[in-house]
Amino acid sequence: MSEIVDEFYTARNLLYLGAYPQALAALPMHLSAPQELEKQALQYRAFLGQGNSALVLAEIPSKAPVLLEAVRALAESHSNPQTSLSTIRPLIAEASNLQSPAFVAIAAQILAANGSHDDALRILALHPKNLECAVMTINIYLAINRADLAQKLVARMRSWSEDAPLAQLAEAWTALFTGGPKYNDAFYIFEELAQASSVSTARLLNARAVAKLHLAQYPEAMDLLQQALEKDSNDPDTLANLIVCANLTGKPLETKSRYLSQLRHVAPAHPFISDFDAKDAEFDALAAKYSK
C-alpha cells in the first residue's frame, strides 16, 4: 500500500463488502477540504448501495465538484446508463480530473458498465498502485474474459496490498471466474472476509451462493440466497441469482416470474435483465422466421 495514510481505508473496504451502514459509520471526522469531498463521495456511494439513487440525485446538483458530479453520473447509471455515459465523458476529457484516483475509479465503473472497457482500462492504468483502481481493473479483465491478466494483477497486488479486504475480494472474484478447484477457494475467501469483518452482507452471501451454484450444491446456494433476501429483499443480485437457482432446482414458473418481475422493478438496467430480454427477442425472431 501507499505510504500516504488512507483516511478512508476501513470505510472503502466496508463499502465493497456491501456493509453500507458500517461504511457510513466508519467515515472519519475533522478532515481537510479535499478529504471532506472524498468523504461525501463515499457517503453517497453507500447510499447508492442501499438503493437510494433518488436521494443522491436530489442532493447533488448538476453543477457540483467534479468528484460529486461523477457520483451523480453513477446514480444516473442505475436507471439510464446512456445519460451517465454522456455526463462522464466530458469530465474524463479534462486531464486534471484524472489525477484523482477516486474520480477515476468511479468513471471507470461507469465506462465499463456501458461496455467501454478499453477506455476504462486506459484511465485506471494512470493509478496502478491505487487499491481501488487495481481492483476495478481486475473486475474489467474478468468482464472481458481475460482471467489470465486478472490472475497476474492479483499476484502483483499481493506484494503491496497487505491483505486488504479489497484485494482479497478481487482474488476471490478471480478464483470464481477461473473455476474448477478454484470454486472452493473462492467460497472460503468470501467466508473468511465475512468472519474477519464481522459482517454478513447480501453481497458476501451472494458471492458464496454463486460459488455453491458452480459446485452444483444447490440447496446450500438457495439457503445462502434466502439469507441474503432477508437482509435486503430488493437486492438486484440476490434476485438475479434466485432466478438462476430456481431454474436449476426446478422451482415453479410462478416463483421465477415473481423474482423476475421484482428485479425488473428495482433494477431495470441490471445485466441479467438486458441479457434475458436480448435472448427473448432472439427467440421470438427465430420463432417468427420458422413459423412462415
C-alpha atoms as a PDB file:
ATOM      1  CA  MET A   1       0.000   0.000   0.000  1.00  0.00           C
ATOM      2  CA  SER A   2       0.995   3.646  -0.406  1.00  0.00           C
ATOM      3  CA  GLU A   3       2.963   5.312   2.370  1.00  0.00           C
ATOM      4  CA  ILE A   4       0.291   8.020   2.421  1.00  0.00           C
ATOM      5  CA  VAL A   5      -2.262   7.300   5.134  1.00  0.00           C
ATOM      6  CA  ASP A   6      -5.641   6.432   3.658  1.00  0.00           C
ATOM      7  CA  GLU A   7      -8.201   8.011   5.967  1.00  0.00           C
ATOM      8  CA  PHE A   8     -10.956   6.057   4.234  1.00  0.00           C
ATOM      9  CA  TYR A   9      -9.342   2.611   4.204  1.00  0.00           C
ATOM     10  CA  THR A  10     -11.900   0.989   6.521  1.00  0.00           C
ATOM     11  CA  ALA A  11     -14.936   2.728   5.044  1.00  0.00           C
ATOM     12  CA  ARG A  12     -13.904   1.899   1.466  1.00  0.00           C
ATOM     13  CA  ASN A  13     -13.353  -1.784   2.258  1.00  0.00           C
ATOM     14  CA  LEU A  14     -16.723  -1.995   4.009  1.00  0.00           C
ATOM     15  CA  LEU A  15     -18.353  -0.312   1.008  1.00  0.00           C
ATOM     16  CA  TYR A  16     -17.052  -3.001  -1.343  1.00  0.00           C
ATOM     17  CA  LEU A  17     -18.133  -5.746   1.047  1.00  0.00           C
ATOM     18  CA  GLY A  18     -21.661  -4.355   0.874  1.00  0.00           C
ATOM     19  CA  ALA A  19     -21.691  -3.283   4.540  1.00  0.00           C
ATOM     20  CA  TYR A  20     -23.190   0.116   3.831  1.00  0.00           C
ATOM     21  CA  PRO A  21     -24.342   1.189   7.327  1.00  0.00           C
ATOM     22  CA  GLN A  22     -20.952   0.153   8.741  1.00  0.00           C
ATOM     23  CA  ALA A  23     -19.161   2.046   5.952  1.00  0.00           C
ATOM     24  CA  LEU A  24     -21.104   5.191   6.790  1.00  0.00           C
ATOM     25  CA  ALA A  25     -20.293   4.788  10.476  1.00  0.00           C
ATOM     26  CA  ALA A  26     -16.585   4.334   9.679  1.00  0.00           C
ATOM     27  CA  LEU A  27     -16.232   7.640   7.826  1.00  0.00           C
ATOM     28  CA  PRO A  28     -13.807   9.858   9.788  1.00  0.00           C
ATOM     29  CA  MET A  29     -14.448  13.334  11.155  1.00  0.00           C
ATOM     30  CA  HIS A  30     -12.397  16.582  11.115  1.00  0.00           C
ATOM     31  CA  LEU A  31     -10.984  16.344   7.601  1.00  0.00           C
ATOM     32  CA  SER A  32      -9.340  18.778   5.220  1.00  0.00           C
ATOM     33  CA  ALA A  33     -11.442  20.256   2.398  1.00  0.00           C
ATOM     34  CA  PRO A  34     -10.269  17.745  -0.275  1.00  0.00           C
ATOM     35  CA  GLN A  35     -10.756  14.866   2.166  1.00  0.00           C
ATOM     36  CA  GLU A  36     -14.209  16.144   3.073  1.00  0.00           C
ATOM     37  CA  LEU A  37     -15.124  15.946  -0.614  1.00  0.00           C
ATOM     38  CA  GLU A  38     -13.963  12.337  -0.847  1.00  0.00           C
ATOM     39  CA  LYS A  39     -15.886  11.574   2.335  1.00  0.00           C
ATOM     40  CA  GLN A  40     -19.047  12.959   0.730  1.00  0.00           C
ATOM     41  CA  ALA A  41     -18.428  10.825  -2.360  1.00  0.00           C
ATOM     42  CA  LEU A  42     -18.074   7.669  -0.261  1.00  0.00           C
ATOM     43  CA  GLN A  43     -21.160   8.612   1.728  1.00  0.00           C
ATOM     44  CA  TYR A  44     -23.229   8.984  -1.438  1.00  0.00           C
ATOM     45  CA  ARG A  45     -21.843   5.725  -2.840  1.00  0.00           C
ATOM     46  CA  ALA A  46     -23.004   3.973   0.323  1.00  0.00           C
ATOM     47  CA  PHE A  47     -26.452   5.496  -0.203  1.00  0.00           C
ATOM     48  CA  LEU A  48     -26.406   4.135  -3.769  1.00  0.00           C
ATOM     49  CA  GLY A  49     -25.525   0.713  -2.398  1.00  0.00           C
ATOM     50  CA  GLN A  50     -28.610   0.955  -0.206  1.00  0.00           C
ATOM     51  CA  GLY A  51     -30.731   1.687  -3.272  1.00  0.00           C
ATOM     52  CA  ASN A  52     -31.151   5.406  -2.564  1.00  0.00           C
ATOM     53  CA  SER A  53     -30.257   6.746  -6.013  1.00  0.00           C
ATOM     54  CA  ALA A  54     -33.147   9.239  -5.890  1.00  0.00           C
ATOM     55  CA  LEU A  55     -31.684  10.765  -2.726  1.00  0.00           C
ATOM     56  CA  VAL A  56     -28.248  11.097  -4.325  1.00  0.00           C
ATOM     57  CA  LEU A  57     -29.677  12.728  -7.449  1.00  0.00           C
ATOM     58  CA  ALA A  58     -31.719  15.112  -5.311  1.00  0.00           C
ATOM     59  CA  GLU A  59     -28.789  16.188  -3.143  1.00  0.00           C
ATOM     60  CA  ILE A  60     -26.031  16.538  -5.765  1.00  0.00           C
ATOM     61  CA  PRO A  61     -26.716  19.407  -8.189  1.00  0.00           C
ATOM     62  CA  SER A  62     -25.843  19.022 -11.866  1.00  0.00           C
ATOM     63  CA  LYS A  63     -23.023  21.548 -11.339  1.00  0.00           C
ATOM     64  CA  ALA A  64     -21.004  20.266  -8.394  1.00  0.00           C
ATOM     65  CA  PRO A  65     -17.344  19.482  -7.636  1.00  0.00           C
ATOM     66  CA  VAL A  66     -16.085  17.021 -10.247  1.00  0.00           C
ATOM     67  CA  LEU A  67     -15.903  14.062  -7.860  1.00  0.00           C
ATOM     68  CA  LEU A  68     -19.532  14.553  -6.851  1.00  0.00           C
ATOM     69  CA  GLU A  69     -20.552  15.000 -10.493  1.00  0.00           C
ATOM     70  CA  ALA A  70     -19.050  11.550 -11.097  1.00  0.00           C
ATOM     71  CA  VAL A  71     -21.081  10.134  -8.213  1.00  0.00           C
ATOM     72  CA  ARG A  72     -24.188  11.762  -9.665  1.00  0.00           C
ATOM     73  CA  ALA A  73     -23.437  10.101 -13.014  1.00  0.00           C
ATOM     74  CA  LEU A  74     -23.068   6.792 -11.177  1.00  0.00           C
ATOM     75  CA  ALA A  75     -26.520   7.329  -9.669  1.00  0.00           C
ATOM     76  CA  GLU A  76     -27.910   8.075 -13.138  1.00  0.00           C
ATOM     77  CA  SER A  77     -26.445   4.816 -14.448  1.00  0.00           C
ATOM     78  CA  HIS A  78     -28.829   2.829 -12.239  1.00  0.00           C
ATOM     79  CA  SER A  79     -31.782   3.869 -14.385  1.00  0.00           C
ATOM     80  CA  ASN A  80     -30.304   5.468 -17.501  1.00  0.00           C
ATOM     81  CA  PRO A  81     -26.832   4.179 -18.448  1.00  0.00           C
ATOM     82  CA  GLN A  82     -26.587   6.305 -21.600  1.00  0.00           C
ATOM     83  CA  THR A  83     -27.220   9.510 -19.669  1.00  0.00           C
ATOM     84  CA  SER A  84     -24.466   8.641 -17.218  1.00  0.00           C
ATOM     85  CA  LEU A  85     -22.061   7.993 -20.083  1.00  0.00           C
ATOM     86  CA  SER A  86     -22.772  11.357 -21.710  1.00  0.00           C
ATOM     87  CA  THR A  87     -22.233  13.002 -18.308  1.00  0.00           C
ATOM     88  CA  ILE A  88     -18.914  11.328 -17.501  1.00  0.00           C
ATOM     89  CA  ARG A  89     -17.133  11.580 -20.879  1.00  0.00           C
ATOM     90  CA  PRO A  90     -16.609  15.383 -20.811  1.00  0.00           C
ATOM     91  CA  LEU A  91     -15.257  15.066 -17.272  1.00  0.00           C
ATOM     92  CA  ILE A  92     -12.782  12.390 -18.380  1.00  0.00           C
ATOM     93  CA  ALA A  93     -11.637  14.638 -21.224  1.00  0.00           C
ATOM     94  CA  GLU A  94     -10.233  17.079 -18.643  1.00  0.00           C
ATOM     95  CA  ALA A  95      -6.759  15.729 -17.855  1.00  0.00           C
ATOM     96  CA  SER A  96      -6.675  17.373 -14.429  1.00  0.00           C
ATOM     97  CA  ASN A  97      -9.680  15.319 -13.299  1.00  0.00           C
ATOM     98  CA  LEU A  98      -7.761  12.110 -13.967  1.00  0.00           C
ATOM     99  CA  GLN A  99      -5.245  12.967 -11.254  1.00  0.00           C
ATOM    100  CA  SER A 100      -7.802  11.828  -8.667  1.00  0.00           C
ATOM    101  CA  PRO A 101      -7.882   8.029  -8.144  1.00  0.00           C
ATOM    102  CA  ALA A 102     -11.312   8.371  -6.515  1.00  0.00           C
ATOM    103  CA  PHE A 103     -12.690  10.064  -9.639  1.00  0.00           C
ATOM    104  CA  VAL A 104     -11.003   7.567 -11.959  1.00  0.00           C
ATOM    105  CA  ALA A 105     -12.435   4.556 -10.092  1.00  0.00           C
ATOM    106  CA  ILE A 106     -15.985   5.903 -10.394  1.00  0.00           C
ATOM    107  CA  ALA A 107     -15.565   6.991 -14.016  1.00  0.00           C
ATOM    108  CA  ALA A 108     -14.129   3.587 -14.953  1.00  0.00           C
ATOM    109  CA  GLN A 109     -17.088   1.856 -13.321  1.00  0.00           C
ATOM    110  CA  ILE A 110     -19.492   3.879 -15.470  1.00  0.00           C
ATOM    111  CA  LEU A 111     -17.477   3.283 -18.650  1.00  0.00           C
ATOM    112  CA  ALA A 112     -17.238  -0.455 -18.013  1.00  0.00           C
ATOM    113  CA  ALA A 113     -20.959  -0.731 -17.299  1.00  0.00           C
ATOM    114  CA  ASN A 114     -21.572   0.771 -20.737  1.00  0.00           C
ATOM    115  CA  GLY A 115     -19.154  -1.586 -22.479  1.00  0.00           C
ATOM    116  CA  SER A 116     -16.324   0.948 -22.896  1.00  0.00           C
ATOM    117  CA  HIS A 117     -13.779  -1.390 -21.339  1.00  0.00           C
ATOM    118  CA  ASP A 118     -10.733  -0.090 -23.217  1.00  0.00           C
ATOM    119  CA  ASP A 119     -11.431   3.485 -22.146  1.00  0.00           C
ATOM    120  CA  ALA A 120     -11.917   2.342 -18.554  1.00  0.00           C
ATOM    121  CA  LEU A 121      -8.641   0.399 -18.527  1.00  0.00           C
ATOM    122  CA  ARG A 122      -6.793   3.350 -20.060  1.00  0.00           C
ATOM    123  CA  ILE A 123      -7.665   5.717 -17.217  1.00  0.00           C
ATOM    124  CA  LEU A 124      -7.261   3.068 -14.500  1.00  0.00           C
ATOM    125  CA  ALA A 125      -3.688   2.500 -15.702  1.00  0.00           C
ATOM    126  CA  LEU A 126      -2.879   6.024 -14.510  1.00  0.00           C
ATOM    127  CA  HIS A 127      -3.055   4.799 -10.890  1.00  0.00           C
ATOM    128  CA  PRO A 128      -1.516   1.287 -10.850  1.00  0.00           C
ATOM    129  CA  LYS A 129      -0.763   1.316  -7.109  1.00  0.00           C
ATOM    130  CA  ASN A 130      -4.150   2.589  -6.008  1.00  0.00           C
ATOM    131  CA  LEU A 131      -6.040  -0.310  -4.467  1.00  0.00           C
ATOM    132  CA  GLU A 132      -9.495   0.625  -5.711  1.00  0.00           C
ATOM    133  CA  CYS A 133      -8.244   1.261  -9.253  1.00  0.00           C
ATOM    134  CA  ALA A 134      -6.355  -2.051  -9.278  1.00  0.00           C
ATOM    135  CA  VAL A 135      -9.434  -3.934  -8.096  1.00  0.00           C
ATOM    136  CA  MET A 136     -11.573  -2.210 -10.716  1.00  0.00           C
ATOM    137  CA  THR A 137      -9.011  -3.236 -13.349  1.00  0.00           C
ATOM    138  CA  ILE A 138      -9.288  -6.867 -12.245  1.00  0.00           C
ATOM    139  CA  ASN A 139     -13.061  -6.648 -12.416  1.00  0.00           C
ATOM    140  CA  ILE A 140     -12.876  -5.404 -16.004  1.00  0.00           C
ATOM    141  CA  TYR A 141     -10.364  -8.078 -17.022  1.00  0.00           C
ATOM    142  CA  LEU A 142     -12.847 -10.684 -15.811  1.00  0.00           C
ATOM    143  CA  ALA A 143     -15.695  -8.960 -17.657  1.00  0.00           C
ATOM    144  CA  ILE A 144     -13.768  -9.246 -20.948  1.00  0.00           C
ATOM    145  CA  ASN A 145     -12.752 -12.872 -20.291  1.00  0.00           C
ATOM    146  CA  ARG A 146      -9.102 -12.122 -19.566  1.00  0.00           C
ATOM    147  CA  ALA A 147      -8.716 -14.167 -16.400  1.00  0.00           C
ATOM    148  CA  ASP A 148      -5.021 -14.549 -17.246  1.00  0.00           C
ATOM    149  CA  LEU A 149      -4.464 -10.805 -16.858  1.00  0.00           C
ATOM    150  CA  ALA A 150      -6.590 -10.736 -13.713  1.00  0.00           C
ATOM    151  CA  GLN A 151      -4.507 -13.538 -12.174  1.00  0.00           C
ATOM    152  CA  LYS A 152      -1.256 -11.691 -12.939  1.00  0.00           C
ATOM    153  CA  LEU A 153      -2.534  -8.482 -11.372  1.00  0.00           C
ATOM    154  CA  VAL A 154      -3.794 -10.354  -8.295  1.00  0.00           C
ATOM    155  CA  ALA A 155      -0.315 -11.854  -7.896  1.00  0.00           C
ATOM    156  CA  ARG A 156       1.346  -8.424  -8.213  1.00  0.00           C
ATOM    157  CA  MET A 157      -1.075  -6.861  -5.758  1.00  0.00           C
ATOM    158  CA  ARG A 158      -0.048  -9.302  -3.030  1.00  0.00           C
ATOM    159  CA  SER A 159       3.321  -7.527  -2.801  1.00  0.00           C
ATOM    160  CA  TRP A 160       1.818  -4.177  -1.821  1.00  0.00           C
ATOM    161  CA  SER A 161      -1.836  -4.576  -0.784  1.00  0.00           C
ATOM    162  CA  GLU A 162      -1.045  -6.003   2.690  1.00  0.00           C
ATOM    163  CA  ASP A 163      -4.004  -8.416   2.660  1.00  0.00           C
ATOM    164  CA  ALA A 164      -6.534  -5.618   2.362  1.00  0.00           C
ATOM    165  CA  PRO A 165     -10.112  -6.945   2.214  1.00  0.00           C
ATOM    166  CA  LEU A 166     -10.495  -5.274  -1.192  1.00  0.00           C
ATOM    167  CA  ALA A 167      -7.533  -7.239  -2.551  1.00  0.00           C
ATOM    168  CA  GLN A 168      -8.885 -10.481  -1.091  1.00  0.00           C
ATOM    169  CA  LEU A 169     -12.240  -9.742  -2.681  1.00  0.00           C
ATOM    170  CA  ALA A 170     -10.580  -9.345  -6.082  1.00  0.00           C
ATOM    171  CA  GLU A 171      -8.681 -12.599  -5.557  1.00  0.00           C
ATOM    172  CA  ALA A 172     -11.944 -14.384  -4.762  1.00  0.00           C
ATOM    173  CA  TRP A 173     -13.650 -12.949  -7.861  1.00  0.00           C
ATOM    174  CA  THR A 174     -10.754 -14.180  -9.979  1.00  0.00           C
ATOM    175  CA  ALA A 175     -10.880 -17.637  -8.413  1.00  0.00           C
ATOM    176  CA  LEU A 176     -14.626 -17.784  -9.026  1.00  0.00           C
ATOM    177  CA  PHE A 177     -14.120 -16.884 -12.682  1.00  0.00           C
ATOM    178  CA  THR A 178     -11.248 -19.358 -13.118  1.00  0.00           C
ATOM    179  CA  GLY A 179     -13.416 -22.250 -11.939  1.00  0.00           C
ATOM    180  CA  GLY A 180     -12.575 -25.896 -11.267  1.00  0.00           C
ATOM    181  CA  PRO A 181     -10.912 -26.358  -7.867  1.00  0.00           C
ATOM    182  CA  LYS A 182     -10.837 -22.564  -7.522  1.00  0.00           C
ATOM    183  CA  TYR A 183     -14.576 -22.517  -6.762  1.00  0.00           C
ATOM    184  CA  ASN A 184     -13.870 -23.850  -3.289  1.00  0.00           C
ATOM    185  CA  ASP A 185     -11.040 -21.342  -2.840  1.00  0.00           C
ATOM    186  CA  ALA A 186     -13.403 -18.517  -3.748  1.00  0.00           C
ATOM    187  CA  PHE A 187     -16.057 -19.737  -1.316  1.00  0.00           C
ATOM    188  CA  TYR A 188     -13.638 -19.844   1.599  1.00  0.00           C
ATOM    189  CA  ILE A 189     -12.173 -16.419   0.833  1.00  0.00           C
ATOM    190  CA  PHE A 190     -15.674 -14.932   0.831  1.00  0.00           C
ATOM    191  CA  GLU A 191     -16.454 -16.768   4.065  1.00  0.00           C
ATOM    192  CA  GLU A 192     -13.233 -15.557   5.719  1.00  0.00           C
ATOM    193  CA  LEU A 193     -13.973 -11.987   4.660  1.00  0.00           C
ATOM    194  CA  ALA A 194     -17.366 -12.165   6.356  1.00  0.00           C
ATOM    195  CA  GLN A 195     -15.826 -13.577   9.529  1.00  0.00           C
ATOM    196  CA  ALA A 196     -12.871 -11.174   9.631  1.00  0.00           C
ATOM    197  CA  SER A 197     -15.016  -8.095   9.087  1.00  0.00           C
ATOM    198  CA  SER A 198     -17.795  -9.328  11.399  1.00  0.00           C
ATOM    199  CA  VAL A 199     -20.356  -8.513   8.713  1.00  0.00           C
ATOM    200  CA  SER A 200     -22.541 -10.886   6.756  1.00  0.00           C
ATOM    201  CA  THR A 201     -23.844  -8.803   3.888  1.00  0.00           C
ATOM    202  CA  ALA A 202     -26.135  -9.620   0.995  1.00  0.00           C
ATOM    203  CA  ARG A 203     -23.136  -9.146  -1.310  1.00  0.00           C
ATOM    204  CA  LEU A 204     -20.950 -11.680   0.505  1.00  0.00           C
ATOM    205  CA  LEU A 205     -23.844 -14.128   0.858  1.00  0.00           C
ATOM    206  CA  ASN A 206     -24.446 -13.835  -2.891  1.00  0.00           C
ATOM    207  CA  ALA A 207     -20.789 -14.428  -3.640  1.00  0.00           C
ATOM    208  CA  ARG A 208     -20.761 -17.581  -1.535  1.00  0.00           C
ATOM    209  CA  ALA A 209     -24.028 -18.701  -3.152  1.00  0.00           C
ATOM    210  CA  VAL A 210     -22.569 -18.305  -6.649  1.00  0.00           C
ATOM    211  CA  ALA A 211     -19.619 -20.485  -5.634  1.00  0.00           C
ATOM    212  CA  LYS A 212     -22.057 -23.121  -4.376  1.00  0.00           C
ATOM    213  CA  LEU A 213     -24.049 -22.932  -7.620  1.00  0.00           C
ATOM    214  CA  HIS A 214     -20.888 -23.629  -9.607  1.00  0.00           C
ATOM    215  CA  LEU A 215     -20.173 -26.573  -7.308  1.00  0.00           C
ATOM    216  CA  ALA A 216     -23.714 -27.867  -8.033  1.00  0.00           C
ATOM    217  CA  GLN A 217     -24.529 -27.590  -4.315  1.00  0.00           C
ATOM    218  CA  TYR A 218     -27.942 -26.091  -4.982  1.00  0.00           C
ATOM    219  CA  PRO A 219     -29.641 -26.466  -1.577  1.00  0.00           C
ATOM    220  CA  GLU A 220     -26.695 -24.710   0.102  1.00  0.00           C
ATOM    221  CA  ALA A 221     -26.826 -21.974  -2.551  1.00  0.00           C
ATOM    222  CA  MET A 222     -30.563 -21.482  -2.050  1.00  0.00           C
ATOM    223  CA  ASP A 223     -30.109 -21.252   1.718  1.00  0.00           C
ATOM    224  CA  LEU A 224     -27.468 -18.526   1.310  1.00  0.00           C
ATOM    225  CA  LEU A 225     -29.660 -16.627  -1.145  1.00  0.00           C
ATOM    226  CA  GLN A 226     -32.631 -16.774   1.223  1.00  0.00           C
ATOM    227  CA  GLN A 227     -30.394 -15.307   3.932  1.00  0.00           C
ATOM    228  CA  ALA A 228     -29.389 -12.543   1.517  1.00  0.00           C
ATOM    229  CA  LEU A 229     -33.050 -11.893   0.697  1.00  0.00           C
ATOM    230  CA  GLU A 230     -33.820 -11.500   4.397  1.00  0.00           C
ATOM    231  CA  LYS A 231     -31.100  -8.856   4.662  1.00  0.00           C
ATOM    232  CA  ASP A 232     -32.299  -6.936   1.606  1.00  0.00           C
ATOM    233  CA  SER A 233     -35.474  -8.041  -0.156  1.00  0.00           C
ATOM    234  CA  ASN A 234     -34.756  -5.724  -3.103  1.00  0.00           C
ATOM    235  CA  ASP A 235     -31.098  -6.532  -3.709  1.00  0.00           C
ATOM    236  CA  PRO A 236     -30.808  -6.937  -7.514  1.00  0.00           C
ATOM    237  CA  ASP A 237     -28.023  -9.538  -7.487  1.00  0.00           C
ATOM    238  CA  THR A 238     -29.899 -11.655  -4.956  1.00  0.00           C
ATOM    239  CA  LEU A 239     -32.999 -11.620  -7.157  1.00  0.00           C
ATOM    240  CA  ALA A 240     -30.976 -12.469 -10.289  1.00  0.00           C
ATOM    241  CA  ASN A 241     -29.236 -15.363  -8.550  1.00  0.00           C
ATOM    242  CA  LEU A 242     -32.542 -16.607  -7.135  1.00  0.00           C
ATOM    243  CA  ILE A 243     -33.890 -16.827 -10.691  1.00  0.00           C
ATOM    244  CA  VAL A 244     -30.872 -18.908 -11.719  1.00  0.00           C
ATOM    245  CA  CYS A 245     -31.120 -21.122  -8.647  1.00  0.00           C
ATOM    246  CA  ALA A 246     -34.878 -21.552  -9.122  1.00  0.00           C
ATOM    247  CA  ASN A 247     -34.249 -22.736 -12.688  1.00  0.00           C
ATOM    248  CA  LEU A 248     -31.596 -25.205 -11.580  1.00  0.00           C
ATOM    249  CA  THR A 249     -33.757 -26.623  -8.796  1.00  0.00           C
ATOM    250  CA  GLY A 250     -36.968 -26.890 -10.823  1.00  0.00           C
ATOM    251  CA  LYS A 251     -38.962 -24.321  -8.885  1.00  0.00           C
ATOM    252  CA  PRO A 252     -42.451 -23.456 -10.237  1.00  0.00           C
ATOM    253  CA  LEU A 253     -42.712 -20.925 -13.052  1.00  0.00           C
ATOM    254  CA  GLU A 254     -44.659 -18.594 -10.749  1.00  0.00           C
ATOM    255  CA  THR A 255     -41.678 -18.378  -8.395  1.00  0.00           C
ATOM    256  CA  LYS A 256     -39.242 -17.498 -11.182  1.00  0.00           C
ATOM    257  CA  SER A 257     -41.675 -14.989 -12.702  1.00  0.00           C
ATOM    258  CA  ARG A 258     -42.108 -13.257  -9.346  1.00  0.00           C
ATOM    259  CA  TYR A 259     -38.363 -12.831  -8.897  1.00  0.00           C
ATOM    260  CA  LEU A 260     -38.018 -11.598 -12.490  1.00  0.00           C
ATOM    261  CA  SER A 261     -40.813  -9.038 -12.097  1.00  0.00           C
ATOM    262  CA  GLN A 262     -39.290  -7.786  -8.872  1.00  0.00           C
ATOM    263  CA  LEU A 263     -35.861  -7.478 -10.496  1.00  0.00           C
ATOM    264  CA  ARG A 264     -37.337  -5.504 -13.402  1.00  0.00           C
ATOM    265  CA  HIS A 265     -38.925  -3.138 -10.913  1.00  0.00           C
ATOM    266  CA  VAL A 266     -35.892  -2.480  -8.702  1.00  0.00           C
ATOM    267  CA  ALA A 267     -33.135  -2.633 -11.352  1.00  0.00           C
ATOM    268  CA  PRO A 268     -34.443  -2.318 -14.920  1.00  0.00           C
ATOM    269  CA  ALA A 269     -30.888  -1.828 -16.242  1.00  0.00           C
ATOM    270  CA  HIS A 270     -29.455  -4.913 -14.480  1.00  0.00           C
ATOM    271  CA  PRO A 271     -27.241  -7.059 -16.779  1.00  0.00           C
ATOM    272  CA  PHE A 272     -29.456 -10.093 -16.127  1.00  0.00           C
ATOM    273  CA  ILE A 273     -32.483  -8.196 -17.459  1.00  0.00           C
ATOM    274  CA  SER A 274     -30.578  -6.957 -20.515  1.00  0.00           C
ATOM    275  CA  ASP A 275     -29.340 -10.471 -21.295  1.00  0.00           C
ATOM    276  CA  PHE A 276     -32.762 -12.027 -20.675  1.00  0.00           C
ATOM    277  CA  ASP A 277     -34.529  -9.534 -22.942  1.00  0.00           C
ATOM    278  CA  ALA A 278     -31.923  -9.969 -25.696  1.00  0.00           C
ATOM    279  CA  LYS A 279     -32.342 -13.747 -25.635  1.00  0.00           C
ATOM    280  CA  ASP A 280     -36.136 -13.394 -25.502  1.00  0.00           C
ATOM    281  CA  ALA A 281     -36.092 -11.147 -28.578  1.00  0.00           C
ATOM    282  CA  GLU A 282     -33.755 -13.559 -30.379  1.00  0.00           C
ATOM    283  CA  PHE A 283     -36.096 -16.462 -29.625  1.00  0.00           C
ATOM    284  CA  ASP A 284     -39.116 -14.504 -30.889  1.00  0.00           C
ATOM    285  CA  ALA A 285     -37.253 -13.624 -34.098  1.00  0.00           C
ATOM    286  CA  LEU A 286     -36.312 -17.261 -34.715  1.00  0.00           C
ATOM    287  CA  ALA A 287     -39.837 -18.424 -33.927  1.00  0.00           C
ATOM    288  CA  ALA A 288     -41.270 -15.902 -36.380  1.00  0.00           C
ATOM    289  CA  LYS A 289     -38.761 -16.949 -39.046  1.00  0.00           C
ATOM    290  CA  TYR A 290     -39.567 -20.653 -38.835  1.00  0.00           C
ATOM    291  CA  SER A 291     -43.314 -20.190 -38.479  1.00  0.00           C
ATOM    292  CA  LYS A 292     -43.532 -18.774 -42.002  1.00  0.00           C
END
